[in-house]
Amino acid sequence: GVEHYVKSQRSNKNRGEEPQNAPVNHIMDINAQALIFMARKRLCFK
């Protein structure tokens, strides 16, 4: 119920050297039911 569009690192010559916290842009096209499910998991205190 969701499509993700995340900036690729393909054009980055140091692709394998990017840190885990490197900033990225991400767009989600998501239906309401998938959003509800996502919130259940991503709002969890774990």
All heavy atoms as atom14 arrays in JSON, in Angstrom:
{
  "sequence": "GVEHYVKSQRSNKNRGEEPQNAPVNHIMDINAQALIFMARKRLCFK",
  "atom14_mask": [
    [1, 1, 1, 1, 0, 0, 0, 0, 0, 0, 0, 0, 0, 0],
    [1, 1, 1, 1, 1, 1, 1, 0, 0, 0, 0, 0, 0, 0],
    [1, 1, 1, 1, 1, 1, 1, 1, 1, 0, 0, 0, 0, 0],
    [1, 1, 1, 1, 1, 1, 1, 1, 1, 1, 0, 0, 0, 0],
    [1, 1, 1, 1, 1, 1, 1, 1, 1, 1, 1, 1, 0, 0],
    [1, 1, 1, 1, 1, 1, 1, 0, 0, 0, 0, 0, 0, 0],
    [1, 1, 1, 1, 1, 1, 1, 1, 1, 0, 0, 0, 0, 0],
    [1, 1, 1, 1, 1, 1, 0, 0, 0, 0, 0, 0, 0, 0],
    [1, 1, 1, 1, 1, 1, 1, 1, 1, 0, 0, 0, 0, 0],
    [1, 1, 1, 1, 1, 1, 1, 1, 1, 1, 1, 0, 0, 0],
    [1, 1, 1, 1, 1, 1, 0, 0, 0, 0, 0, 0, 0, 0],
    [1, 1, 1, 1, 1, 1, 1, 1, 0, 0, 0, 0, 0, 0],
    [1, 1, 1, 1, 1, 1, 1, 1, 1, 0, 0, 0, 0, 0],
    [1, 1, 1, 1, 1, 1, 1, 1, 0, 0, 0, 0, 0, 0],
    [1, 1, 1, 1, 1, 1, 1, 1, 1, 1, 1, 0, 0, 0],
    [1, 1, 1, 1, 0, 0, 0, 0, 0, 0, 0, 0, 0, 0],
    [1, 1, 1, 1, 1, 1, 1, 1, 1, 0, 0, 0, 0, 0],
    [1, 1, 1, 1, 1, 1, 1, 1, 1, 0, 0, 0, 0, 0],
    [1, 1, 1, 1, 1, 1, 1, 0, 0, 0, 0, 0, 0, 0],
    [1, 1, 1, 1, 1, 1, 1, 1, 1, 0, 0, 0, 0, 0],
    [1, 1, 1, 1, 1, 1, 1, 1, 0, 0, 0, 0, 0, 0],
    [1, 1, 1, 1, 1, 0, 0, 0, 0, 0, 0, 0, 0, 0],
    [1, 1, 1, 1, 1, 1, 1, 0, 0, 0, 0, 0, 0, 0],
    [1, 1, 1, 1, 1, 1, 1, 0, 0, 0, 0, 0, 0, 0],
    [1, 1, 1, 1, 1, 1, 1, 1, 0, 0, 0, 0, 0, 0],
    [1, 1, 1, 1, 1, 1, 1, 1, 1, 1, 0, 0, 0, 0],
    [1, 1, 1, 1, 1, 1, 1, 1, 0, 0, 0, 0, 0, 0],
    [1, 1, 1, 1, 1, 1, 1, 1, 0, 0, 0, 0, 0, 0],
    [1, 1, 1, 1, 1, 1, 1, 1, 0, 0, 0, 0, 0, 0],
    [1, 1, 1, 1, 1, 1, 1, 1, 0, 0, 0, 0, 0, 0],
    [1, 1, 1, 1, 1, 1, 1, 1, 0, 0, 0, 0, 0, 0],
    [1, 1, 1, 1, 1, 0, 0, 0, 0, 0, 0, 0, 0, 0],
    [1, 1, 1, 1, 1, 1, 1, 1, 1, 0, 0, 0, 0, 0],
    [1, 1, 1, 1, 1, 0, 0, 0, 0, 0, 0, 0, 0, 0],
    [1, 1, 1, 1, 1, 1, 1, 1, 0, 0, 0, 0, 0, 0],
    [1, 1, 1, 1, 1, 1, 1, 1, 0, 0, 0, 0, 0, 0],
    [1, 1, 1, 1, 1, 1, 1, 1, 1, 1, 1, 0, 0, 0],
    [1, 1, 1, 1, 1, 1, 1, 1, 0, 0, 0, 0, 0, 0],
    [1, 1, 1, 1, 1, 0, 0, 0, 0, 0, 0, 0, 0, 0],
    [1, 1, 1, 1, 1, 1, 1, 1, 1, 1, 1, 0, 0, 0],
    [1, 1, 1, 1, 1, 1, 1, 1, 1, 0, 0, 0, 0, 0],
    [1, 1, 1, 1, 1, 1, 1, 1, 1, 1, 1, 0, 0, 0],
    [1, 1, 1, 1, 1, 1, 1, 1, 0, 0, 0, 0, 0, 0],
    [1, 1, 1, 1, 1, 1, 0, 0, 0, 0, 0, 0, 0, 0],
    [1, 1, 1, 1, 1, 1, 1, 1, 1, 1, 1, 0, 0, 0],
    [1, 1, 1, 1, 1, 1, 1, 1, 1, 0, 0, 0, 0, 0]
  ],
  "atom14_positions": [
    [[0.79, -1.22, 0.0], [0.0, 0.0, 0.0], [0.82, 1.27, 0.0], [0.3, 2.35, 0.25], [0.0, 0.0, 0.0], [0.0, 0.0, 0.0], [0.0, 0.0, 0.0], [0.0, 0.0, 0.0], [0.0, 0.0, 0.0], [0.0, 0.0, 0.0], [0.0, 0.0, 0.0], [0.0, 0.0, 0.0], [0.0, 0.0, 0.0], [0.0, 0.0, 0.0]],
    [[2.1, 1.13, -0.29], [2.99, 2.3, -0.28], [4.07, 2.13, -1.35], [4.54, 1.03, -1.61], [3.63, 2.49, 1.12], [4.43, 1.27, 1.55], [4.48, 3.75, 1.18], [0.0, 0.0, 0.0], [0.0, 0.0, 0.0], [0.0, 0.0, 0.0], [0.0, 0.0, 0.0], [0.0, 0.0, 0.0], [0.0, 0.0, 0.0], [0.0, 0.0, 0.0]],
    [[4.4, 3.24, -1.98], [5.56, 3.3, -2.88], [6.54, 4.3, -2.29], [6.14, 5.36, -1.83], [5.14, 3.75, -4.3], [4.35, 2.71, -5.05], [5.12, 1.44, -5.37], [6.37, 1.49, -5.51], [4.48, 0.38, -5.46], [0.0, 0.0, 0.0], [0.0, 0.0, 0.0], [0.0, 0.0, 0.0], [0.0, 0.0, 0.0], [0.0, 0.0, 0.0]],
    [[7.82, 3.94, -2.34], [8.86, 4.79, -1.78], [9.74, 5.32, -2.9], [10.08, 4.59, -3.84], [9.74, 3.98, -0.82], [8.99, 3.44, 0.34], [8.76, 4.18, 1.48], [8.4, 2.24, 0.56], [8.06, 3.46, 2.35], [7.83, 2.27, 1.8], [0.0, 0.0, 0.0], [0.0, 0.0, 0.0], [0.0, 0.0, 0.0], [0.0, 0.0, 0.0]],
    [[10.11, 6.57, -2.78], [11.0, 7.23, -3.73], [12.1, 7.88, -2.91], [11.89, 8.91, -2.27], [10.22, 8.26, -4.56], [9.04, 7.61, -5.25], [7.79, 7.57, -4.63], [9.18, 6.98, -6.48], [6.71, 6.94, -5.24], [8.11, 6.35, -7.09], [6.88, 6.34, -6.46], [5.82, 5.71, -7.06], [0.0, 0.0, 0.0], [0.0, 0.0, 0.0]],
    [[13.25, 7.22, -2.9], [14.38, 7.64, -2.06], [15.54, 7.99, -2.97], [15.85, 7.25, -3.92], [14.79, 6.52, -1.08], [15.93, 6.97, -0.18], [13.61, 6.05, -0.26], [0.0, 0.0, 0.0], [0.0, 0.0, 0.0], [0.0, 0.0, 0.0], [0.0, 0.0, 0.0], [0.0, 0.0, 0.0], [0.0, 0.0, 0.0], [0.0, 0.0, 0.0]],
    [[16.2, 9.11, -2.68], [17.35, 9.52, -3.48], [18.4, 8.42, -3.5], [18.8, 7.9, -2.47], [17.96, 10.8, -2.92], [19.11, 11.32, -3.77], [19.7, 12.57, -3.15], [20.84, 13.12, -3.95], [21.97, 12.22, -4.09], [0.0, 0.0, 0.0], [0.0, 0.0, 0.0], [0.0, 0.0, 0.0], [0.0, 0.0, 0.0], [0.0, 0.0, 0.0]],
    [[18.81, 8.08, -4.69], [19.81, 7.04, -4.88], [21.2, 7.56, -4.56], [21.48, 8.76, -4.69], [19.77, 6.55, -6.33], [20.84, 5.68, -6.58], [0.0, 0.0, 0.0], [0.0, 0.0, 0.0], [0.0, 0.0, 0.0], [0.0, 0.0, 0.0], [0.0, 0.0, 0.0], [0.0, 0.0, 0.0], [0.0, 0.0, 0.0], [0.0, 0.0, 0.0]],
    [[22.1, 6.65, -4.18], [23.5, 7.01, -3.98], [24.35, 6.61, -5.18], [25.56, 6.71, -5.14], [24.04, 6.32, -2.72], [23.45, 6.83, -1.44], [24.08, 6.16, -0.23], [24.86, 5.22, -0.35], [23.73, 6.64, 0.94], [0.0, 0.0, 0.0], [0.0, 0.0, 0.0], [0.0, 0.0, 0.0], [0.0, 0.0, 0.0], [0.0, 0.0, 0.0]],
    [[23.69, 6.17, -6.27], [24.44, 5.7, -7.43], [25.41, 6.73, -7.98], [26.49, 6.4, -8.44], [23.48, 5.27, -8.55], [22.87, 3.92, -8.31], [22.14, 3.46, -9.55], [21.0, 4.3, -9.85], [19.75, 4.04, -9.51], [19.48, 2.95, -8.84], [18.79, 4.85, -9.83], [0.0, 0.0, 0.0], [0.0, 0.0, 0.0], [0.0, 0.0, 0.0]],
    [[25.02, 8.0, -7.94], [25.89, 9.04, -8.53], [26.99, 9.49, -7.57], [27.86, 10.27, -7.95], [25.05, 10.24, -8.95], [24.39, 10.78, -7.82], [0.0, 0.0, 0.0], [0.0, 0.0, 0.0], [0.0, 0.0, 0.0], [0.0, 0.0, 0.0], [0.0, 0.0, 0.0], [0.0, 0.0, 0.0], [0.0, 0.0, 0.0], [0.0, 0.0, 0.0]],
    [[27.0, 8.98, -6.37], [28.0, 9.36, -5.38], [29.25, 8.49, -5.56], [29.19, 7.27, -5.39], [27.41, 9.19, -3.97], [28.36, 9.66, -2.89], [29.55, 9.84, -3.12], [27.81, 9.84, -1.7], [0.0, 0.0, 0.0], [0.0, 0.0, 0.0], [0.0, 0.0, 0.0], [0.0, 0.0, 0.0], [0.0, 0.0, 0.0], [0.0, 0.0, 0.0]],
    [[30.36, 9.13, -5.89], [31.58, 8.35, -6.12], [32.08, 7.65, -4.86], [32.82, 6.68, -4.92], [32.67, 9.23, -6.72], [33.13, 10.35, -5.83], [34.16, 11.23, -6.52], [34.5, 12.39, -5.6], [35.26, 13.39, -6.26], [0.0, 0.0, 0.0], [0.0, 0.0, 0.0], [0.0, 0.0, 0.0], [0.0, 0.0, 0.0], [0.0, 0.0, 0.0]],
    [[31.68, 8.15, -3.7], [32.06, 7.52, -2.42], [30.88, 6.74, -1.84], [30.7, 6.69, -0.63], [32.51, 8.6, -1.42], [33.72, 9.34, -1.9], [34.6, 8.78, -2.54], [33.76, 10.64, -1.63], [0.0, 0.0, 0.0], [0.0, 0.0, 0.0], [0.0, 0.0, 0.0], [0.0, 0.0, 0.0], [0.0, 0.0, 0.0], [0.0, 0.0, 0.0]],
    [[30.13, 6.14, -2.69], [28.87, 5.48, -2.32], [29.0, 4.58, -1.1], [28.21, 4.63, -0.18], [28.37, 4.68, -3.53], [27.08, 3.99, -3.31], [26.69, 3.31, -4.59], [25.43, 2.63, -4.45], [24.87, 1.94, -5.4], [25.44, 1.86, -6.57], [23.73, 1.34, -5.19], [0.0, 0.0, 0.0], [0.0, 0.0, 0.0], [0.0, 0.0, 0.0]],
    [[29.99, 3.74, -1.06], [30.17, 2.8, 0.04], [30.67, 3.44, 1.32], [30.72, 2.8, 2.35], [0.0, 0.0, 0.0], [0.0, 0.0, 0.0], [0.0, 0.0, 0.0], [0.0, 0.0, 0.0], [0.0, 0.0, 0.0], [0.0, 0.0, 0.0], [0.0, 0.0, 0.0], [0.0, 0.0, 0.0], [0.0, 0.0, 0.0], [0.0, 0.0, 0.0]],
    [[31.06, 4.71, 1.24], [31.61, 5.39, 2.4], [30.6, 6.29, 3.1], [30.94, 6.93, 4.1], [32.83, 6.22, 1.97], [33.94, 5.35, 1.41], [35.07, 6.18, 0.81], [35.15, 7.38, 1.09], [35.85, 5.6, 0.06], [0.0, 0.0, 0.0], [0.0, 0.0, 0.0], [0.0, 0.0, 0.0], [0.0, 0.0, 0.0], [0.0, 0.0, 0.0]],
    [[29.38, 6.36, 2.59], [28.35, 7.21, 3.21], [28.03, 6.68, 4.61], [27.82, 5.49, 4.79], [27.05, 7.19, 2.39], [27.12, 8.0, 1.12], [27.09, 9.5, 1.36], [26.57, 9.95, 2.4], [27.61, 10.22, 0.49], [0.0, 0.0, 0.0], [0.0, 0.0, 0.0], [0.0, 0.0, 0.0], [0.0, 0.0, 0.0], [0.0, 0.0, 0.0]],
    [[27.99, 7.56, 5.61], [27.62, 7.12, 6.95], [26.13, 6.77, 7.03], [25.34, 7.24, 6.21], [27.95, 8.33, 7.83], [27.96, 9.5, 6.91], [28.33, 8.97, 5.55], [0.0, 0.0, 0.0], [0.0, 0.0, 0.0], [0.0, 0.0, 0.0], [0.0, 0.0, 0.0], [0.0, 0.0, 0.0], [0.0, 0.0, 0.0], [0.0, 0.0, 0.0]],
    [[25.77, 5.96, 7.99], [24.38, 5.53, 8.17], [23.43, 6.7, 8.39], [22.27, 6.63, 8.05], [24.26, 4.56, 9.34], [24.78, 3.18, 9.04], [23.88, 2.48, 8.04], [22.7, 2.33, 8.26], [24.46, 2.06, 6.93], [0.0, 0.0, 0.0], [0.0, 0.0, 0.0], [0.0, 0.0, 0.0], [0.0, 0.0, 0.0], [0.0, 0.0, 0.0]],
    [[23.95, 7.78, 8.96], [23.08, 8.92, 9.25], [23.16, 10.02, 8.18], [22.72, 11.14, 8.42], [23.38, 9.49, 10.63], [24.78, 10.06, 10.74], [25.62, 9.86, 9.85], [25.05, 10.76, 11.83], [0.0, 0.0, 0.0], [0.0, 0.0, 0.0], [0.0, 0.0, 0.0], [0.0, 0.0, 0.0], [0.0, 0.0, 0.0], [0.0, 0.0, 0.0]],
    [[23.72, 9.7, 7.03], [23.78, 10.68, 5.94], [22.36, 11.1, 5.59], [21.45, 10.27, 5.52], [24.48, 10.08, 4.72], [0.0, 0.0, 0.0], [0.0, 0.0, 0.0], [0.0, 0.0, 0.0], [0.0, 0.0, 0.0], [0.0, 0.0, 0.0], [0.0, 0.0, 0.0], [0.0, 0.0, 0.0], [0.0, 0.0, 0.0], [0.0, 0.0, 0.0]],
    [[22.13, 12.4, 5.37], [20.77, 12.86, 5.05], [20.31, 12.39, 3.67], [21.11, 12.33, 2.73], [20.88, 14.38, 5.12], [22.32, 14.68, 4.92], [23.09, 13.49, 5.42], [0.0, 0.0, 0.0], [0.0, 0.0, 0.0], [0.0, 0.0, 0.0], [0.0, 0.0, 0.0], [0.0, 0.0, 0.0], [0.0, 0.0, 0.0], [0.0, 0.0, 0.0]],
    [[19.03, 12.07, 3.6], [18.45, 11.63, 2.33], [17.04, 12.19, 2.23], [16.39, 12.44, 3.25], [18.46, 10.08, 2.24], [17.49, 9.45, 3.22], [18.18, 9.61, 0.83], [0.0, 0.0, 0.0], [0.0, 0.0, 0.0], [0.0, 0.0, 0.0], [0.0, 0.0, 0.0], [0.0, 0.0, 0.0], [0.0, 0.0, 0.0], [0.0, 0.0, 0.0]],
    [[16.58, 12.39, 1.01], [15.2, 12.79, 0.78], [14.39, 11.56, 0.42], [14.87, 10.69, -0.31], [15.11, 13.83, -0.34], [15.78, 15.13, 0.04], [15.94, 15.43, 1.21], [16.18, 15.9, -0.95], [0.0, 0.0, 0.0], [0.0, 0.0, 0.0], [0.0, 0.0, 0.0], [0.0, 0.0, 0.0], [0.0, 0.0, 0.0], [0.0, 0.0, 0.0]],
    [[13.19, 11.49, 0.92], [12.35, 10.29, 0.79], [10.9, 10.75, 0.63], [10.41, 11.52, 1.44], [12.53, 9.46, 2.06], [11.8, 8.16, 2.1], [12.27, 7.09, 2.8], [10.62, 7.74, 1.57], [11.43, 6.07, 2.69], [10.41, 6.45, 1.95], [0.0, 0.0, 0.0], [0.0, 0.0, 0.0], [0.0, 0.0, 0.0], [0.0, 0.0, 0.0]],
    [[10.25, 10.28, -0.42], [8.83, 10.56, -0.61], [8.08, 9.24, -0.57], [8.51, 8.25, -1.17], [8.55, 11.28, -1.95], [9.21, 12.66, -1.94], [7.05, 11.41, -2.21], [9.05, 13.43, -3.25], [0.0, 0.0, 0.0], [0.0, 0.0, 0.0], [0.0, 0.0, 0.0], [0.0, 0.0, 0.0], [0.0, 0.0, 0.0], [0.0, 0.0, 0.0]],
    [[6.95, 9.24, 0.15], [6.08, 8.06, 0.21], [4.73, 8.43, -0.41], [4.15, 9.45, -0.06], [5.82, 7.61, 1.65], [7.01, 7.13, 2.39], [6.6, 6.44, 4.02], [5.92, 7.85, 4.88], [0.0, 0.0, 0.0], [0.0, 0.0, 0.0], [0.0, 0.0, 0.0], [0.0, 0.0, 0.0], [0.0, 0.0, 0.0], [0.0, 0.0, 0.0]],
    [[4.25, 7.57, -1.28], [2.89, 7.64, -1.78], [2.18, 6.47, -1.11], [2.51, 5.31, -1.39], [2.89, 7.51, -3.3], [1.68, 8.11, -3.96], [1.09, 9.05, -3.39], [1.3, 7.64, -5.05], [0.0, 0.0, 0.0], [0.0, 0.0, 0.0], [0.0, 0.0, 0.0], [0.0, 0.0, 0.0], [0.0, 0.0, 0.0], [0.0, 0.0, 0.0]],
    [[1.24, 6.76, -0.21], [0.73, 5.73, 0.69], [-0.78, 5.83, 0.86], [-1.32, 6.93, 0.95], [1.46, 5.83, 2.06], [1.11, 4.67, 2.99], [1.24, 7.18, 2.71], [2.03, 4.57, 4.22], [0.0, 0.0, 0.0], [0.0, 0.0, 0.0], [0.0, 0.0, 0.0], [0.0, 0.0, 0.0], [0.0, 0.0, 0.0], [0.0, 0.0, 0.0]],
    [[-1.44, 4.67, 0.89], [-2.88, 4.71, 1.15], [-3.14, 4.74, 2.65], [-2.26, 4.44, 3.46], [-3.62, 3.56, 0.43], [-3.45, 2.21, 1.05], [-3.62, 2.01, 2.26], [-3.13, 1.22, 0.22], [0.0, 0.0, 0.0], [0.0, 0.0, 0.0], [0.0, 0.0, 0.0], [0.0, 0.0, 0.0], [0.0, 0.0, 0.0], [0.0, 0.0, 0.0]],
    [[-4.34, 5.15, 3.02], [-4.66, 5.39, 4.43], [-4.52, 4.13, 5.28], [-4.06, 4.21, 6.42], [-6.07, 5.96, 4.55], [0.0, 0.0, 0.0], [0.0, 0.0, 0.0], [0.0, 0.0, 0.0], [0.0, 0.0, 0.0], [0.0, 0.0, 0.0], [0.0, 0.0, 0.0], [0.0, 0.0, 0.0], [0.0, 0.0, 0.0], [0.0, 0.0, 0.0]],
    [[-4.9, 2.98, 4.76], [-4.79, 1.77, 5.56], [-3.32, 1.43, 5.83], [-2.95, 1.08, 6.95], [-5.49, 0.59, 4.89], [-5.52, -0.63, 5.77], [-6.34, -1.76, 5.17], [-6.5, -1.86, 3.96], [-6.87, -2.61, 6.03], [0.0, 0.0, 0.0], [0.0, 0.0, 0.0], [0.0, 0.0, 0.0], [0.0, 0.0, 0.0], [0.0, 0.0, 0.0]],
    [[-2.47, 1.57, 4.81], [-1.05, 1.32, 4.99], [-0.44, 2.33, 5.97], [0.44, 1.98, 6.77], [-0.33, 1.37, 3.66], [0.0, 0.0, 0.0], [0.0, 0.0, 0.0], [0.0, 0.0, 0.0], [0.0, 0.0, 0.0], [0.0, 0.0, 0.0], [0.0, 0.0, 0.0], [0.0, 0.0, 0.0], [0.0, 0.0, 0.0], [0.0, 0.0, 0.0]],
    [[-0.91, 3.56, 5.92], [-0.44, 4.59, 6.84], [-0.78, 4.25, 8.29], [0.05, 4.4, 9.19], [-1.04, 5.95, 6.46], [-0.64, 7.12, 7.34], [0.83, 7.44, 7.18], [-1.5, 8.33, 6.99], [0.0, 0.0, 0.0], [0.0, 0.0, 0.0], [0.0, 0.0, 0.0], [0.0, 0.0, 0.0], [0.0, 0.0, 0.0], [0.0, 0.0, 0.0]],
    [[-1.99, 3.76, 8.5], [-2.4, 3.35, 9.84], [-1.51, 2.23, 10.35], [-1.03, 2.26, 11.49], [-3.89, 2.93, 9.85], [-4.78, 4.15, 9.61], [-4.26, 2.22, 11.14], [-6.23, 3.8, 9.26], [0.0, 0.0, 0.0], [0.0, 0.0, 0.0], [0.0, 0.0, 0.0], [0.0, 0.0, 0.0], [0.0, 0.0, 0.0], [0.0, 0.0, 0.0]],
    [[-1.24, 1.24, 9.5], [-0.37, 0.13, 9.89], [1.04, 0.62, 10.18], [1.66, 0.23, 11.17], [-0.36, -0.94, 8.79], [0.51, -2.11, 9.13], [0.08, -3.09, 10.02], [1.78, -2.22, 8.59], [0.89, -4.16, 10.35], [2.61, -3.3, 8.91], [2.16, -4.26, 9.79], [0.0, 0.0, 0.0], [0.0, 0.0, 0.0], [0.0, 0.0, 0.0]],
    [[1.54, 1.52, 9.32], [2.89, 2.06, 9.51], [2.97, 2.8, 10.85], [3.95, 2.64, 11.59], [3.25, 3.0, 8.37], [4.64, 3.58, 8.46], [4.99, 4.73, 7.12], [5.26, 3.58, 5.76], [0.0, 0.0, 0.0], [0.0, 0.0, 0.0], [0.0, 0.0, 0.0], [0.0, 0.0, 0.0], [0.0, 0.0, 0.0], [0.0, 0.0, 0.0]],
    [[1.97, 3.58, 11.16], [1.97, 4.33, 12.43], [2.02, 3.37, 13.61], [2.72, 3.63, 14.59], [0.74, 5.23, 12.5], [0.0, 0.0, 0.0], [0.0, 0.0, 0.0], [0.0, 0.0, 0.0], [0.0, 0.0, 0.0], [0.0, 0.0, 0.0], [0.0, 0.0, 0.0], [0.0, 0.0, 0.0], [0.0, 0.0, 0.0], [0.0, 0.0, 0.0]],
    [[1.29, 2.27, 13.53], [1.28, 1.3, 14.64], [2.68, 0.79, 14.95], [3.04, 0.61, 16.11], [0.38, 0.12, 14.3], [-1.08, 0.46, 14.3], [-1.91, -0.75, 13.91], [-3.27, -0.35, 13.63], [-4.12, -1.05, 12.91], [-3.76, -2.22, 12.39], [-5.34, -0.62, 12.7], [0.0, 0.0, 0.0], [0.0, 0.0, 0.0], [0.0, 0.0, 0.0]],
    [[3.46, 0.57, 13.91], [4.81, 0.03, 14.09], [5.83, 1.12, 14.42], [6.7, 0.94, 15.26], [5.27, -0.72, 12.84], [4.4, -1.92, 12.5], [4.41, -2.94, 13.61], [3.59, -4.15, 13.25], [3.36, -5.02, 14.4], [0.0, 0.0, 0.0], [0.0, 0.0, 0.0], [0.0, 0.0, 0.0], [0.0, 0.0, 0.0], [0.0, 0.0, 0.0]],
    [[5.74, 2.26, 13.74], [6.77, 3.3, 13.87], [6.53, 4.25, 15.03], [7.42, 5.02, 15.37], [6.9, 4.06, 12.55], [7.33, 3.17, 11.39], [8.62, 2.45, 11.71], [8.86, 1.34, 10.78], [9.71, 0.37, 11.0], [10.42, 0.34, 12.11], [9.86, -0.59, 10.12], [0.0, 0.0, 0.0], [0.0, 0.0, 0.0], [0.0, 0.0, 0.0]],
    [[5.36, 4.17, 15.68], [5.12, 4.95, 16.9], [5.37, 4.11, 18.15], [5.33, 4.63, 19.27], [3.69, 5.5, 16.93], [3.38, 6.59, 15.91], [1.9, 6.94, 15.95], [4.23, 7.83, 16.14], [0.0, 0.0, 0.0], [0.0, 0.0, 0.0], [0.0, 0.0, 0.0], [0.0, 0.0, 0.0], [0.0, 0.0, 0.0], [0.0, 0.0, 0.0]],
    [[5.63, 2.83, 17.97], [5.91, 1.92, 19.07], [7.13, 2.43, 19.85], [8.08, 2.96, 19.27], [6.2, 0.53, 18.51], [6.72, -0.68, 19.74], [0.0, 0.0, 0.0], [0.0, 0.0, 0.0], [0.0, 0.0, 0.0], [0.0, 0.0, 0.0], [0.0, 0.0, 0.0], [0.0, 0.0, 0.0], [0.0, 0.0, 0.0], [0.0, 0.0, 0.0]],
    [[7.1, 2.28, 21.17], [8.2, 2.74, 21.99], [9.46, 1.89, 21.78], [10.54, 2.27, 22.22], [7.8, 2.75, 23.47], [6.81, 3.82, 23.79], [5.47, 3.5, 24.0], [7.18, 5.15, 23.85], [4.55, 4.48, 24.29], [6.26, 6.14, 24.14], [4.94, 5.81, 24.36], [0.0, 0.0, 0.0], [0.0, 0.0, 0.0], [0.0, 0.0, 0.0]],
    [[9.34, 0.75, 21.09], [10.51, -0.06, 20.75], [11.14, 0.4, 19.44], [12.24, -0.01, 19.1], [10.12, -1.55, 20.64], [9.69, -2.18, 21.95], [10.83, -2.31, 22.93], [11.66, -3.52, 22.59], [12.66, -3.83, 23.58], [0.0, 0.0, 0.0], [0.0, 0.0, 0.0], [0.0, 0.0, 0.0], [0.0, 0.0, 0.0], [0.0, 0.0, 0.0]]
  ]
}
